[in-house]
Amino acid sequence: MDDADPEGAGEMKCSIEGCPGDYEERQIAHTVRHKGQVIVIDHVPAEVCFACGDVLLRAETIRRIETLLGEAPRPAGTVPLYEYA
């Protein structure tokens, strides 16, 4: 007999000490610096804590991002970059 709770399936408590939140699946804009350039990848699947905003990426998502960066596809658009000085 399986004691798993189907409603709680996949819920994971936040890994930040003291945070009462759980992670939930969302799509995020992920920013990375690659070969001296700032690159933003939109619609990245991630687990995000609803309480504190901590973000976890799955291993397969990281591998896909690495593949995208290695292929250097043409960007869908460009954005201004401002430096905080």
N, C-alpha and C. Protein backbone atom coordinates (compact mmCIF):
# COMPACT_ATOMS: atom_id res chain seq x y z
N MET A 1 0.84 -1.18 0.00
CA MET A 1 0.00 0.00 0.00
C MET A 1 0.89 1.24 0.00
N ASP A 2 0.55 2.21 -0.82
CA ASP A 2 1.34 3.43 -0.96
C ASP A 2 0.76 4.51 -0.05
N ASP A 3 1.59 5.07 0.83
CA ASP A 3 1.14 6.10 1.77
C ASP A 3 1.34 7.51 1.24
N ALA A 4 1.73 7.65 -0.03
CA ALA A 4 1.99 8.98 -0.59
C ALA A 4 0.70 9.79 -0.67
N ASP A 5 0.82 11.06 -0.42
CA ASP A 5 -0.31 11.98 -0.50
C ASP A 5 -0.36 12.56 -1.90
N PRO A 6 -1.36 12.21 -2.73
CA PRO A 6 -1.39 12.69 -4.10
C PRO A 6 -1.50 14.21 -4.20
N GLU A 7 -2.17 14.85 -3.23
CA GLU A 7 -2.27 16.30 -3.28
C GLU A 7 -0.94 16.97 -2.99
N GLY A 8 -0.11 16.36 -2.16
CA GLY A 8 1.18 16.93 -1.80
C GLY A 8 2.31 16.44 -2.68
N ALA A 9 1.97 15.68 -3.72
CA ALA A 9 2.99 15.11 -4.59
C ALA A 9 3.83 16.21 -5.21
N GLY A 10 5.13 16.08 -5.10
CA GLY A 10 6.04 17.03 -5.71
C GLY A 10 6.34 18.25 -4.86
N GLU A 11 5.60 18.48 -3.78
CA GLU A 11 5.87 19.64 -2.94
C GLU A 11 7.16 19.44 -2.18
N MET A 12 7.95 20.48 -2.15
CA MET A 12 9.22 20.40 -1.45
C MET A 12 9.37 21.68 -0.63
N LYS A 13 9.74 21.51 0.63
CA LYS A 13 9.96 22.65 1.51
C LYS A 13 11.17 23.45 1.04
N CYS A 14 11.14 24.74 1.26
CA CYS A 14 12.25 25.62 0.90
C CYS A 14 13.51 25.22 1.65
N SER A 15 14.63 25.30 0.96
CA SER A 15 15.91 24.92 1.56
C SER A 15 16.57 26.05 2.35
N ILE A 16 15.98 27.24 2.32
CA ILE A 16 16.52 28.37 3.07
C ILE A 16 16.09 28.23 4.53
N GLU A 17 17.06 28.23 5.43
CA GLU A 17 16.77 28.03 6.85
C GLU A 17 15.77 29.07 7.35
N GLY A 18 14.73 28.59 8.02
CA GLY A 18 13.74 29.46 8.61
C GLY A 18 12.61 29.87 7.67
N CYS A 19 12.73 29.58 6.39
CA CYS A 19 11.68 29.95 5.45
C CYS A 19 10.56 28.92 5.53
N PRO A 20 9.32 29.38 5.68
CA PRO A 20 8.19 28.46 5.80
C PRO A 20 7.62 28.01 4.45
N GLY A 21 8.18 28.50 3.36
CA GLY A 21 7.59 28.27 2.05
C GLY A 21 7.86 26.91 1.44
N ASP A 22 7.14 26.64 0.36
CA ASP A 22 7.33 25.46 -0.48
C ASP A 22 7.71 25.94 -1.87
N TYR A 23 8.39 25.06 -2.60
CA TYR A 23 8.72 25.37 -3.99
C TYR A 23 7.52 25.04 -4.87
N GLU A 24 7.33 25.86 -5.91
CA GLU A 24 6.30 25.61 -6.90
C GLU A 24 6.91 25.82 -8.28
N GLU A 25 6.41 25.08 -9.25
CA GLU A 25 6.97 25.17 -10.59
C GLU A 25 6.50 26.45 -11.27
N ARG A 26 7.46 27.16 -11.85
CA ARG A 26 7.20 28.40 -12.59
C ARG A 26 8.15 28.47 -13.77
N GLN A 27 7.93 29.45 -14.62
CA GLN A 27 8.88 29.76 -15.68
C GLN A 27 9.49 31.12 -15.33
N ILE A 28 10.81 31.20 -15.43
CA ILE A 28 11.52 32.41 -15.03
C ILE A 28 12.37 32.94 -16.18
N ALA A 29 12.86 34.15 -16.01
CA ALA A 29 13.90 34.70 -16.88
C ALA A 29 15.22 34.47 -16.14
N HIS A 30 16.10 33.67 -16.73
CA HIS A 30 17.37 33.30 -16.09
C HIS A 30 18.50 34.12 -16.73
N THR A 31 19.27 34.79 -15.90
CA THR A 31 20.36 35.63 -16.39
C THR A 31 21.69 34.95 -16.09
N VAL A 32 22.58 34.95 -17.09
CA VAL A 32 23.89 34.32 -16.95
C VAL A 32 24.93 35.17 -17.69
N ARG A 33 26.15 35.20 -17.17
CA ARG A 33 27.24 35.87 -17.88
C ARG A 33 28.02 34.79 -18.61
N HIS A 34 28.15 34.93 -19.92
CA HIS A 34 28.81 33.92 -20.76
C HIS A 34 29.74 34.62 -21.74
N LYS A 35 31.01 34.26 -21.67
CA LYS A 35 32.03 34.84 -22.56
C LYS A 35 31.98 36.37 -22.56
N GLY A 36 31.82 36.93 -21.35
CA GLY A 36 31.84 38.38 -21.20
C GLY A 36 30.53 39.08 -21.54
N GLN A 37 29.52 38.32 -21.91
CA GLN A 37 28.23 38.92 -22.25
C GLN A 37 27.18 38.51 -21.22
N VAL A 38 26.25 39.42 -20.96
CA VAL A 38 25.13 39.10 -20.11
C VAL A 38 24.02 38.57 -21.01
N ILE A 39 23.54 37.37 -20.70
CA ILE A 39 22.53 36.72 -21.53
C ILE A 39 21.32 36.41 -20.64
N VAL A 40 20.15 36.73 -21.14
CA VAL A 40 18.90 36.43 -20.44
C VAL A 40 18.16 35.37 -21.25
N ILE A 41 17.81 34.28 -20.58
CA ILE A 41 17.06 33.21 -21.22
C ILE A 41 15.68 33.19 -20.58
N ASP A 42 14.66 33.41 -21.39
CA ASP A 42 13.29 33.52 -20.89
C ASP A 42 12.59 32.17 -20.90
N HIS A 43 11.57 32.03 -20.10
CA HIS A 43 10.71 30.84 -20.03
C HIS A 43 11.47 29.60 -19.57
N VAL A 44 12.38 29.76 -18.62
CA VAL A 44 13.15 28.64 -18.07
C VAL A 44 12.33 27.98 -16.96
N PRO A 45 12.09 26.67 -17.04
CA PRO A 45 11.36 26.00 -15.97
C PRO A 45 12.21 25.95 -14.70
N ALA A 46 11.59 26.28 -13.57
CA ALA A 46 12.32 26.33 -12.30
C ALA A 46 11.36 26.04 -11.16
N GLU A 47 11.93 25.68 -10.03
CA GLU A 47 11.18 25.55 -8.79
C GLU A 47 11.46 26.83 -8.01
N VAL A 48 10.42 27.58 -7.65
CA VAL A 48 10.57 28.86 -6.97
C VAL A 48 9.79 28.83 -5.67
N CYS A 49 10.44 29.23 -4.57
CA CYS A 49 9.76 29.29 -3.27
C CYS A 49 8.78 30.46 -3.30
N PHE A 50 7.53 30.16 -2.97
CA PHE A 50 6.51 31.22 -3.00
C PHE A 50 6.72 32.24 -1.89
N ALA A 51 7.44 31.88 -0.83
CA ALA A 51 7.61 32.80 0.30
C ALA A 51 8.82 33.71 0.14
N CYS A 52 9.98 33.14 -0.22
CA CYS A 52 11.21 33.95 -0.26
C CYS A 52 11.78 34.16 -1.66
N GLY A 53 11.28 33.40 -2.64
CA GLY A 53 11.75 33.58 -4.01
C GLY A 53 12.98 32.78 -4.37
N ASP A 54 13.49 31.91 -3.47
CA ASP A 54 14.64 31.07 -3.79
C ASP A 54 14.32 30.25 -5.04
N VAL A 55 15.33 30.08 -5.92
CA VAL A 55 15.12 29.40 -7.19
C VAL A 55 16.01 28.17 -7.28
N LEU A 56 15.41 27.05 -7.72
CA LEU A 56 16.15 25.83 -7.98
C LEU A 56 15.95 25.44 -9.44
N LEU A 57 17.05 25.07 -10.11
CA LEU A 57 16.98 24.57 -11.48
C LEU A 57 17.31 23.09 -11.48
N ARG A 58 16.57 22.31 -12.23
CA ARG A 58 16.85 20.88 -12.35
C ARG A 58 18.07 20.66 -13.22
N ALA A 59 18.72 19.51 -13.03
CA ALA A 59 19.94 19.18 -13.77
C ALA A 59 19.69 19.22 -15.27
N GLU A 60 18.56 18.69 -15.74
CA GLU A 60 18.29 18.68 -17.18
C GLU A 60 18.09 20.09 -17.73
N THR A 61 17.57 20.99 -16.89
CA THR A 61 17.40 22.39 -17.30
C THR A 61 18.77 23.05 -17.45
N ILE A 62 19.66 22.80 -16.51
CA ILE A 62 21.01 23.36 -16.58
C ILE A 62 21.74 22.84 -17.82
N ARG A 63 21.60 21.54 -18.10
CA ARG A 63 22.24 20.97 -19.30
C ARG A 63 21.70 21.63 -20.56
N ARG A 64 20.39 21.89 -20.61
CA ARG A 64 19.79 22.55 -21.79
C ARG A 64 20.31 23.97 -21.93
N ILE A 65 20.45 24.69 -20.83
CA ILE A 65 21.00 26.04 -20.87
C ILE A 65 22.43 26.01 -21.38
N GLU A 66 23.23 25.07 -20.90
CA GLU A 66 24.61 24.93 -21.37
C GLU A 66 24.66 24.64 -22.86
N THR A 67 23.74 23.82 -23.34
CA THR A 67 23.67 23.52 -24.77
C THR A 67 23.32 24.77 -25.56
N LEU A 68 22.33 25.53 -25.09
CA LEU A 68 21.96 26.78 -25.77
C LEU A 68 23.14 27.74 -25.84
N LEU A 69 23.87 27.86 -24.74
CA LEU A 69 25.02 28.77 -24.72
C LEU A 69 26.12 28.29 -25.66
N GLY A 70 26.29 26.98 -25.76
CA GLY A 70 27.31 26.43 -26.66
C GLY A 70 26.96 26.61 -28.12
N GLU A 71 25.66 26.57 -28.44
CA GLU A 71 25.21 26.72 -29.82
C GLU A 71 25.19 28.18 -30.26
N ALA A 72 25.12 29.09 -29.29
CA ALA A 72 25.06 30.53 -29.55
C ALA A 72 24.02 30.87 -30.60
N PRO A 73 22.75 30.52 -30.35
CA PRO A 73 21.71 30.86 -31.33
C PRO A 73 21.50 32.36 -31.39
N ARG A 74 20.89 32.80 -32.47
CA ARG A 74 20.60 34.23 -32.63
C ARG A 74 19.60 34.63 -31.55
N PRO A 75 19.86 35.73 -30.83
CA PRO A 75 18.94 36.14 -29.77
C PRO A 75 17.58 36.55 -30.32
N ALA A 76 16.55 36.32 -29.52
CA ALA A 76 15.20 36.70 -29.91
C ALA A 76 15.02 38.22 -29.84
N GLY A 77 15.88 38.89 -29.09
CA GLY A 77 15.82 40.34 -28.95
C GLY A 77 17.00 40.84 -28.17
N THR A 78 17.09 42.13 -27.98
CA THR A 78 18.16 42.71 -27.19
C THR A 78 17.55 43.68 -26.18
N VAL A 79 18.29 43.91 -25.10
CA VAL A 79 17.83 44.83 -24.07
C VAL A 79 19.00 45.72 -23.65
N PRO A 80 18.71 46.92 -23.17
CA PRO A 80 19.80 47.77 -22.68
C PRO A 80 20.39 47.20 -21.40
N LEU A 81 21.67 47.40 -21.20
CA LEU A 81 22.35 46.96 -19.99
C LEU A 81 22.87 48.20 -19.27
N TYR A 82 22.45 48.36 -18.03
CA TYR A 82 22.90 49.47 -17.21
C TYR A 82 23.82 48.96 -16.13
N GLU A 83 24.87 49.73 -15.83
CA GLU A 83 25.80 49.35 -14.76
C GLU A 83 25.50 50.16 -13.52
N TYR A 84 25.48 49.49 -12.40
CA TYR A 84 25.27 50.16 -11.12
C TYR A 84 26.63 50.65 -10.66
N ALA A 85 26.80 51.94 -10.61
CA ALA A 85 28.10 52.49 -10.22
C ALA A 85 27.93 53.58 -9.20
